């Protein structure tokens, strides 16, 4: 069944980029590299993550990733609650003042993890997050595509509650992301997470430079 992509994002003053992918894809590395590059251009940059980008989010993160079993629907609702507070208190205020916001995970993770891998209806999970965020979507979503086996090898021996799921679960997550990207090519940039981090960073900078005249210098770095 095809995944219906969310509608176009409303306009905002700052740049909004999300990094998505399976566990172990290298999202945090690429987020930090892009943040440093944008700061070199003299731009204000806010680096954040989901869940955990706020004090409330940190508490939710503890329950979701380090607590006991959470029922799938409760899991989806907790992620949406974190996202609603995150957008209202961190992301939207930063974008409104013209800052660039880079987030490690956003609503596409909920669609892939809870909507697809947890076998909840993806449209229900998508609509819940769109309601929670008042329709706010990233200007660019960078998908670092990683296989279940690659992700497990990269994570080593320490795994949170979701990372401990088997490879079938993580491969379903991967396919969920790829289906979303295929149906929303204007928003997504799909990269092979196995590539050298510096090369991945260059690809992200080229993409942003091509999309935004005010970021053309990124592509020349």
C-alpha atoms as a PDB file:
ATOM      1  CA  UNK A   1       0.000   0.000   0.000  1.00  0.00           C
ATOM      2  CA  UNK A   2       1.466   3.407  -0.950  1.00  0.00           C
ATOM      3  CA  UNK A   3       2.238   5.890   1.802  1.00  0.00           C
ATOM      4  CA  UNK A   4       0.506   9.209   1.287  1.00  0.00           C
ATOM      5  CA  UNK A   5       3.101  11.991   1.698  1.00  0.00           C
ATOM      6  CA  UNK A   6       2.242  14.916   3.961  1.00  0.00           C
ATOM      7  CA  UNK A   7       1.161  18.176   2.291  1.00  0.00           C
ATOM      8  CA  UNK A   8       3.580  20.993   1.530  1.00  0.00           C
ATOM      9  CA  UNK A   9       5.071  22.782   4.510  1.00  0.00           C
ATOM     10  CA  UNK A  10       4.067  26.354   5.425  1.00  0.00           C
ATOM     11  CA  UNK A  11       6.604  29.123   4.790  1.00  0.00           C
ATOM     12  CA  UNK A  12       8.983  30.197   7.558  1.00  0.00           C
ATOM     13  CA  UNK A  13      11.932  32.535   7.833  1.00  0.00           C
ATOM     14  CA  UNK A  14      14.667  30.041   8.764  1.00  0.00           C
ATOM     15  CA  UNK A  15      15.915  26.821   7.178  1.00  0.00           C
ATOM     16  CA  UNK A  16      14.479  23.574   8.533  1.00  0.00           C
ATOM     17  CA  UNK A  17      16.363  20.326   7.814  1.00  0.00           C
ATOM     18  CA  UNK A  18      15.647  16.899   9.277  1.00  0.00           C
ATOM     19  CA  UNK A  19      17.989  13.902   9.205  1.00  0.00           C
ATOM     20  CA  UNK A  20      16.289  10.523   8.997  1.00  0.00           C
ATOM     21  CA  UNK A  21      17.301   6.907   8.694  1.00  0.00           C
ATOM     22  CA  UNK A  22      17.555   3.677  10.610  1.00  0.00           C
ATOM     23  CA  UNK A  23      19.471   3.338  13.859  1.00  0.00           C
ATOM     24  CA  UNK A  24      23.201   3.586  13.196  1.00  0.00           C
ATOM     25  CA  UNK A  25      22.843   5.582   9.972  1.00  0.00           C
ATOM     26  CA  UNK A  26      25.095   8.453  11.101  1.00  0.00           C
ATOM     27  CA  UNK A  27      22.443  11.152  11.408  1.00  0.00           C
ATOM     28  CA  UNK A  28      24.023  12.972  14.342  1.00  0.00           C
ATOM     29  CA  UNK A  29      27.370  13.198  12.544  1.00  0.00           C
ATOM     30  CA  UNK A  30      25.832  14.784   9.451  1.00  0.00           C
ATOM     31  CA  UNK A  31      23.712  17.114  11.582  1.00  0.00           C
ATOM     32  CA  UNK A  32      26.811  18.438  13.365  1.00  0.00           C
ATOM     33  CA  UNK A  33      28.767  18.842  10.134  1.00  0.00           C
ATOM     34  CA  UNK A  34      25.981  20.831   8.481  1.00  0.00           C
ATOM     35  CA  UNK A  35      25.504  22.920  11.614  1.00  0.00           C
ATOM     36  CA  UNK A  36      29.173  23.898  11.607  1.00  0.00           C
ATOM     37  CA  UNK A  37      29.040  24.757   7.889  1.00  0.00           C
ATOM     38  CA  UNK A  38      26.002  26.995   8.351  1.00  0.00           C
ATOM     39  CA  UNK A  39      27.592  28.740  11.324  1.00  0.00           C
ATOM     40  CA  UNK A  40      30.637  29.477   9.160  1.00  0.00           C
ATOM     41  CA  UNK A  41      28.262  31.464   6.931  1.00  0.00           C
ATOM     42  CA  UNK A  42      27.286  33.569   9.956  1.00  0.00           C
ATOM     43  CA  UNK A  43      23.886  31.960  10.427  1.00  0.00           C
ATOM     44  CA  UNK A  44      22.222  31.129  13.749  1.00  0.00           C
ATOM     45  CA  UNK A  45      21.852  27.361  14.019  1.00  0.00           C
ATOM     46  CA  UNK A  46      19.753  25.283  16.429  1.00  0.00           C
ATOM     47  CA  UNK A  47      20.692  21.595  16.703  1.00  0.00           C
ATOM     48  CA  UNK A  48      18.039  19.361  18.235  1.00  0.00           C
ATOM     49  CA  UNK A  49      16.664  15.836  18.237  1.00  0.00           C
ATOM     50  CA  UNK A  50      13.550  13.734  18.721  1.00  0.00           C
ATOM     51  CA  UNK A  51      12.715  12.597  21.223  1.00  0.00           C
ATOM     52  CA  UNK A  52      14.661  14.667  23.742  1.00  0.00           C
ATOM     53  CA  UNK A  53      14.963  18.185  22.345  1.00  0.00           C
ATOM     54  CA  UNK A  54      13.266  19.665  25.425  1.00  0.00           C
ATOM     55  CA  UNK A  55      13.101  18.835  29.134  1.00  0.00           C
ATOM     56  CA  UNK A  56       9.730  17.185  28.548  1.00  0.00           C
ATOM     57  CA  UNK A  57      11.176  15.376  25.556  1.00  0.00           C
ATOM     58  CA  UNK A  58      14.070  14.061  27.644  1.00  0.00           C
ATOM     59  CA  UNK A  59      11.586  12.491  30.070  1.00  0.00           C
ATOM     60  CA  UNK A  60       9.600  10.986  27.188  1.00  0.00           C
ATOM     61  CA  UNK A  61      12.820   9.717  25.630  1.00  0.00           C
ATOM     62  CA  UNK A  62      13.672   7.870  28.836  1.00  0.00           C
ATOM     63  CA  UNK A  63      10.304   6.105  28.784  1.00  0.00           C
ATOM     64  CA  UNK A  64      10.379   5.313  25.071  1.00  0.00           C
ATOM     65  CA  UNK A  65      13.963   4.194  24.635  1.00  0.00           C
ATOM     66  CA  UNK A  66      15.121   3.043  28.043  1.00  0.00           C
ATOM     67  CA  UNK A  67      11.971   1.934  29.856  1.00  0.00           C
ATOM     68  CA  UNK A  68       9.931  -1.237  29.793  1.00  0.00           C
ATOM     69  CA  UNK A  69       7.505  -2.372  27.096  1.00  0.00           C
ATOM     70  CA  UNK A  70       5.326   0.377  25.601  1.00  0.00           C
ATOM     71  CA  UNK A  71       2.210  -0.593  23.630  1.00  0.00           C
ATOM     72  CA  UNK A  72       2.507   0.422  19.944  1.00  0.00           C
ATOM     73  CA  UNK A  73      -0.327   2.975  20.036  1.00  0.00           C
ATOM     74  CA  UNK A  74       1.000   4.476  23.263  1.00  0.00           C
ATOM     75  CA  UNK A  75       4.435   4.618  21.636  1.00  0.00           C
ATOM     76  CA  UNK A  76       3.028   6.572  18.680  1.00  0.00           C
ATOM     77  CA  UNK A  77       1.159   8.966  20.969  1.00  0.00           C
ATOM     78  CA  UNK A  78       4.229   9.610  23.131  1.00  0.00           C
ATOM     79  CA  UNK A  79       6.346  10.429  20.083  1.00  0.00           C
ATOM     80  CA  UNK A  80       3.614  12.791  18.857  1.00  0.00           C
ATOM     81  CA  UNK A  81       3.380  14.468  22.278  1.00  0.00           C
ATOM     82  CA  UNK A  82       7.136  15.050  22.265  1.00  0.00           C
ATOM     83  CA  UNK A  83       6.931  16.443  18.730  1.00  0.00           C
ATOM     84  CA  UNK A  84       4.074  18.820  19.538  1.00  0.00           C
ATOM     85  CA  UNK A  85       5.972  20.333  22.470  1.00  0.00           C
ATOM     86  CA  UNK A  86       9.244  20.341  20.524  1.00  0.00           C
ATOM     87  CA  UNK A  87       7.752  22.312  17.644  1.00  0.00           C
ATOM     88  CA  UNK A  88       5.847  24.749  19.853  1.00  0.00           C
ATOM     89  CA  UNK A  89       8.738  25.564  22.177  1.00  0.00           C
ATOM     90  CA  UNK A  90      11.917  25.061  20.133  1.00  0.00           C
ATOM     91  CA  UNK A  91      11.528  24.580  16.385  1.00  0.00           C
ATOM     92  CA  UNK A  92       8.844  27.088  15.395  1.00  0.00           C
ATOM     93  CA  UNK A  93      10.160  29.971  17.548  1.00  0.00           C
ATOM     94  CA  UNK A  94      13.654  29.458  16.099  1.00  0.00           C
ATOM     95  CA  UNK A  95      12.382  29.368  12.509  1.00  0.00           C
ATOM     96  CA  UNK A  96      10.240  32.456  13.108  1.00  0.00           C
ATOM     97  CA  UNK A  97      13.261  34.502  14.213  1.00  0.00           C
ATOM     98  CA  UNK A  98      15.209  33.354  11.145  1.00  0.00           C
ATOM     99  CA  UNK A  99      17.393  30.666  12.727  1.00  0.00           C
ATOM    100  CA  UNK A 100      18.237  27.431  10.947  1.00  0.00           C
ATOM    101  CA  UNK A 101      16.939  24.303  12.707  1.00  0.00           C
ATOM    102  CA  UNK A 102      18.546  20.911  12.170  1.00  0.00           C
ATOM    103  CA  UNK A 103      16.846  17.962  13.828  1.00  0.00           C
ATOM    104  CA  UNK A 104      17.907  14.362  14.300  1.00  0.00           C
ATOM    105  CA  UNK A 105      14.548  12.705  13.454  1.00  0.00           C
ATOM    106  CA  UNK A 106      11.140  14.226  12.875  1.00  0.00           C
ATOM    107  CA  UNK A 107       7.701  12.974  11.841  1.00  0.00           C
ATOM    108  CA  UNK A 108       8.955  10.671   9.073  1.00  0.00           C
ATOM    109  CA  UNK A 109      10.488   8.498  11.785  1.00  0.00           C
ATOM    110  CA  UNK A 110       7.076   7.990  13.345  1.00  0.00           C
ATOM    111  CA  UNK A 111       5.598   6.970   9.999  1.00  0.00           C
ATOM    112  CA  UNK A 112       8.424   4.498   9.343  1.00  0.00           C
ATOM    113  CA  UNK A 113       8.772   3.072  12.857  1.00  0.00           C
ATOM    114  CA  UNK A 114       5.227   3.112  14.222  1.00  0.00           C
ATOM    115  CA  UNK A 115       3.181   3.378  11.034  1.00  0.00           C
ATOM    116  CA  UNK A 116       5.067   0.716   9.067  1.00  0.00           C
ATOM    117  CA  UNK A 117       7.266  -1.429  11.326  1.00  0.00           C
ATOM    118  CA  UNK A 118       4.727  -1.477  14.197  1.00  0.00           C
ATOM    119  CA  UNK A 119       1.965  -2.107  11.632  1.00  0.00           C
ATOM    120  CA  UNK A 120      -0.150   0.836  12.754  1.00  0.00           C
ATOM    121  CA  UNK A 121      -1.845   2.575   9.843  1.00  0.00           C
ATOM    122  CA  UNK A 122       0.744   4.928   8.343  1.00  0.00           C
ATOM    123  CA  UNK A 123      -1.867   7.558   7.430  1.00  0.00           C
ATOM    124  CA  UNK A 124      -3.111   7.622  11.030  1.00  0.00           C
ATOM    125  CA  UNK A 125       0.417   8.116  12.358  1.00  0.00           C
ATOM    126  CA  UNK A 126       1.155  10.777   9.745  1.00  0.00           C
ATOM    127  CA  UNK A 127      -2.052  12.669  10.464  1.00  0.00           C
ATOM    128  CA  UNK A 128      -1.391  12.552  14.207  1.00  0.00           C
ATOM    129  CA  UNK A 129       2.022  14.165  13.745  1.00  0.00           C
ATOM    130  CA  UNK A 130       0.709  16.741  11.281  1.00  0.00           C
ATOM    131  CA  UNK A 131      -1.930  17.732  13.825  1.00  0.00           C
ATOM    132  CA  UNK A 132       0.686  17.870  16.586  1.00  0.00           C
ATOM    133  CA  UNK A 133       3.003  20.103  14.531  1.00  0.00           C
ATOM    134  CA  UNK A 134       0.293  22.225  12.867  1.00  0.00           C
ATOM    135  CA  UNK A 135       1.524  20.953   9.503  1.00  0.00           C
ATOM    136  CA  UNK A 136       5.151  22.028   9.862  1.00  0.00           C
ATOM    137  CA  UNK A 137       7.457  20.067   7.551  1.00  0.00           C
ATOM    138  CA  UNK A 138      11.192  20.373   6.854  1.00  0.00           C
ATOM    139  CA  UNK A 139      12.483  22.233   3.810  1.00  0.00           C
ATOM    140  CA  UNK A 140      14.771  19.244   3.244  1.00  0.00           C
ATOM    141  CA  UNK A 141      14.771  15.752   4.716  1.00  0.00           C
ATOM    142  CA  UNK A 142      18.090  13.931   4.367  1.00  0.00           C
ATOM    143  CA  UNK A 143      17.558  10.167   4.423  1.00  0.00           C
ATOM    144  CA  UNK A 144      20.715   8.230   5.265  1.00  0.00           C
ATOM    145  CA  UNK A 145      19.834   4.804   3.925  1.00  0.00           C
ATOM    146  CA  UNK A 146      21.281   1.959   5.988  1.00  0.00           C
ATOM    147  CA  UNK A 147      20.486  -1.751   5.921  1.00  0.00           C
ATOM    148  CA  UNK A 148      19.458  -3.508   9.101  1.00  0.00           C
ATOM    149  CA  UNK A 149      22.758  -5.419   9.180  1.00  0.00           C
ATOM    150  CA  UNK A 150      24.847  -2.294   8.628  1.00  0.00           C
ATOM    151  CA  UNK A 151      22.991  -0.434  11.356  1.00  0.00           C
ATOM    152  CA  UNK A 152      23.454  -3.246  13.844  1.00  0.00           C
ATOM    153  CA  UNK A 153      27.187  -3.443  13.128  1.00  0.00           C
ATOM    154  CA  UNK A 154      27.596   0.310  13.543  1.00  0.00           C
ATOM    155  CA  UNK A 155      25.734   0.397  16.847  1.00  0.00           C
ATOM    156  CA  UNK A 156      28.008  -2.166  18.459  1.00  0.00           C
ATOM    157  CA  UNK A 157      26.933  -3.798  21.707  1.00  0.00           C
ATOM    158  CA  UNK A 158      24.793  -1.039  23.251  1.00  0.00           C
ATOM    159  CA  UNK A 159      21.143  -0.949  22.168  1.00  0.00           C
ATOM    160  CA  UNK A 160      18.088   0.960  23.374  1.00  0.00           C
ATOM    161  CA  UNK A 161      14.574  -0.501  23.412  1.00  0.00           C
ATOM    162  CA  UNK A 162      13.941   0.131  19.698  1.00  0.00           C
ATOM    163  CA  UNK A 163      17.447  -0.768  18.589  1.00  0.00           C
ATOM    164  CA  UNK A 164      16.995  -4.190  20.221  1.00  0.00           C
ATOM    165  CA  UNK A 165      14.248  -5.069  17.732  1.00  0.00           C
ATOM    166  CA  UNK A 166      15.228  -7.759  15.228  1.00  0.00           C
ATOM    167  CA  UNK A 167      16.489  -7.171  11.697  1.00  0.00           C
ATOM    168  CA  UNK A 168      13.028  -7.785  10.228  1.00  0.00           C
ATOM    169  CA  UNK A 169      11.736  -4.777  12.157  1.00  0.00           C
ATOM    170  CA  UNK A 170      14.655  -2.565  11.109  1.00  0.00           C
ATOM    171  CA  UNK A 171      14.359  -3.623   7.476  1.00  0.00           C
ATOM    172  CA  UNK A 172      10.660  -2.681   7.589  1.00  0.00           C
ATOM    173  CA  UNK A 173      11.705   0.728   8.942  1.00  0.00           C
ATOM    174  CA  UNK A 174      14.165   1.098   6.072  1.00  0.00           C
ATOM    175  CA  UNK A 175      11.560   0.240   3.455  1.00  0.00           C
ATOM    176  CA  UNK A 176       9.120   2.651   5.087  1.00  0.00           C
ATOM    177  CA  UNK A 177      11.624   5.485   4.734  1.00  0.00           C
ATOM    178  CA  UNK A 178      12.418   4.589   1.127  1.00  0.00           C
ATOM    179  CA  UNK A 179       8.728   4.527   0.202  1.00  0.00           C
ATOM    180  CA  UNK A 180       8.209   7.930   1.773  1.00  0.00           C
ATOM    181  CA  UNK A 181      11.192   9.341  -0.112  1.00  0.00           C
ATOM    182  CA  UNK A 182      10.025   7.885  -3.424  1.00  0.00           C
ATOM    183  CA  UNK A 183       6.668   9.609  -3.061  1.00  0.00           C
ATOM    184  CA  UNK A 184       8.013  12.979  -1.895  1.00  0.00           C
ATOM    185  CA  UNK A 185      11.124  13.530  -3.995  1.00  0.00           C
ATOM    186  CA  UNK A 186      10.955  17.327  -3.721  1.00  0.00           C
ATOM    187  CA  UNK A 187      11.546  17.165   0.038  1.00  0.00           C
ATOM    188  CA  UNK A 188      13.916  14.203   0.298  1.00  0.00           C
ATOM    189  CA  UNK A 189      17.587  13.707  -0.433  1.00  0.00           C
ATOM    190  CA  UNK A 190      18.452   9.991  -0.222  1.00  0.00           C
ATOM    191  CA  UNK A 191      22.099   9.093   0.427  1.00  0.00           C
ATOM    192  CA  UNK A 192      23.895   5.793   0.992  1.00  0.00           C
ATOM    193  CA  UNK A 193      24.875   5.853   4.666  1.00  0.00           C
ATOM    194  CA  UNK A 194      27.813   3.543   3.909  1.00  0.00           C
ATOM    195  CA  UNK A 195      29.607   6.346   2.039  1.00  0.00           C
ATOM    196  CA  UNK A 196      32.392   8.414   3.607  1.00  0.00           C
ATOM    197  CA  UNK A 197      30.940  10.993   6.055  1.00  0.00           C
ATOM    198  CA  UNK A 198      32.810  13.845   4.327  1.00  0.00           C
ATOM    199  CA  UNK A 199      31.317  12.853   0.968  1.00  0.00           C
ATOM    200  CA  UNK A 200      27.841  12.683   2.494  1.00  0.00           C
ATOM    201  CA  UNK A 201      28.305  16.144   3.969  1.00  0.00           C
ATOM    202  CA  UNK A 202      29.391  17.510   0.593  1.00  0.00           C
ATOM    203  CA  UNK A 203      26.279  16.042  -1.018  1.00  0.00           C
ATOM    204  CA  UNK A 204      24.032  17.699   1.572  1.00  0.00           C
ATOM    205  CA  UNK A 205      25.772  21.049   1.048  1.00  0.00           C
ATOM    206  CA  UNK A 206      25.428  20.780  -2.731  1.00  0.00           C
ATOM    207  CA  UNK A 207      21.738  20.005  -2.413  1.00  0.00           C
ATOM    208  CA  UNK A 208      21.062  22.965  -0.136  1.00  0.00           C
ATOM    209  CA  UNK A 209      23.170  25.251  -2.303  1.00  0.00           C
ATOM    210  CA  UNK A 210      21.156  24.256  -5.357  1.00  0.00           C
ATOM    211  CA  UNK A 211      17.836  24.750  -3.562  1.00  0.00           C
ATOM    212  CA  UNK A 212      18.515  28.068  -1.861  1.00  0.00           C
ATOM    213  CA  UNK A 213      20.359  31.033  -3.443  1.00  0.00           C
ATOM    214  CA  UNK A 214      21.263  32.310   0.038  1.00  0.00           C
ATOM    215  CA  UNK A 215      23.075  29.015   0.666  1.00  0.00           C
ATOM    216  CA  UNK A 216      24.954  28.846  -2.640  1.00  0.00           C
ATOM    217  CA  UNK A 217      28.274  29.274  -0.794  1.00  0.00           C
ATOM    218  CA  UNK A 218      27.688  25.909   0.909  1.00  0.00           C
ATOM    219  CA  UNK A 219      28.175  24.159  -2.415  1.00  0.00           C
ATOM    220  CA  UNK A 220      31.524  25.934  -2.934  1.00  0.00           C
ATOM    221  CA  UNK A 221      33.110  24.885   0.345  1.00  0.00           C
END
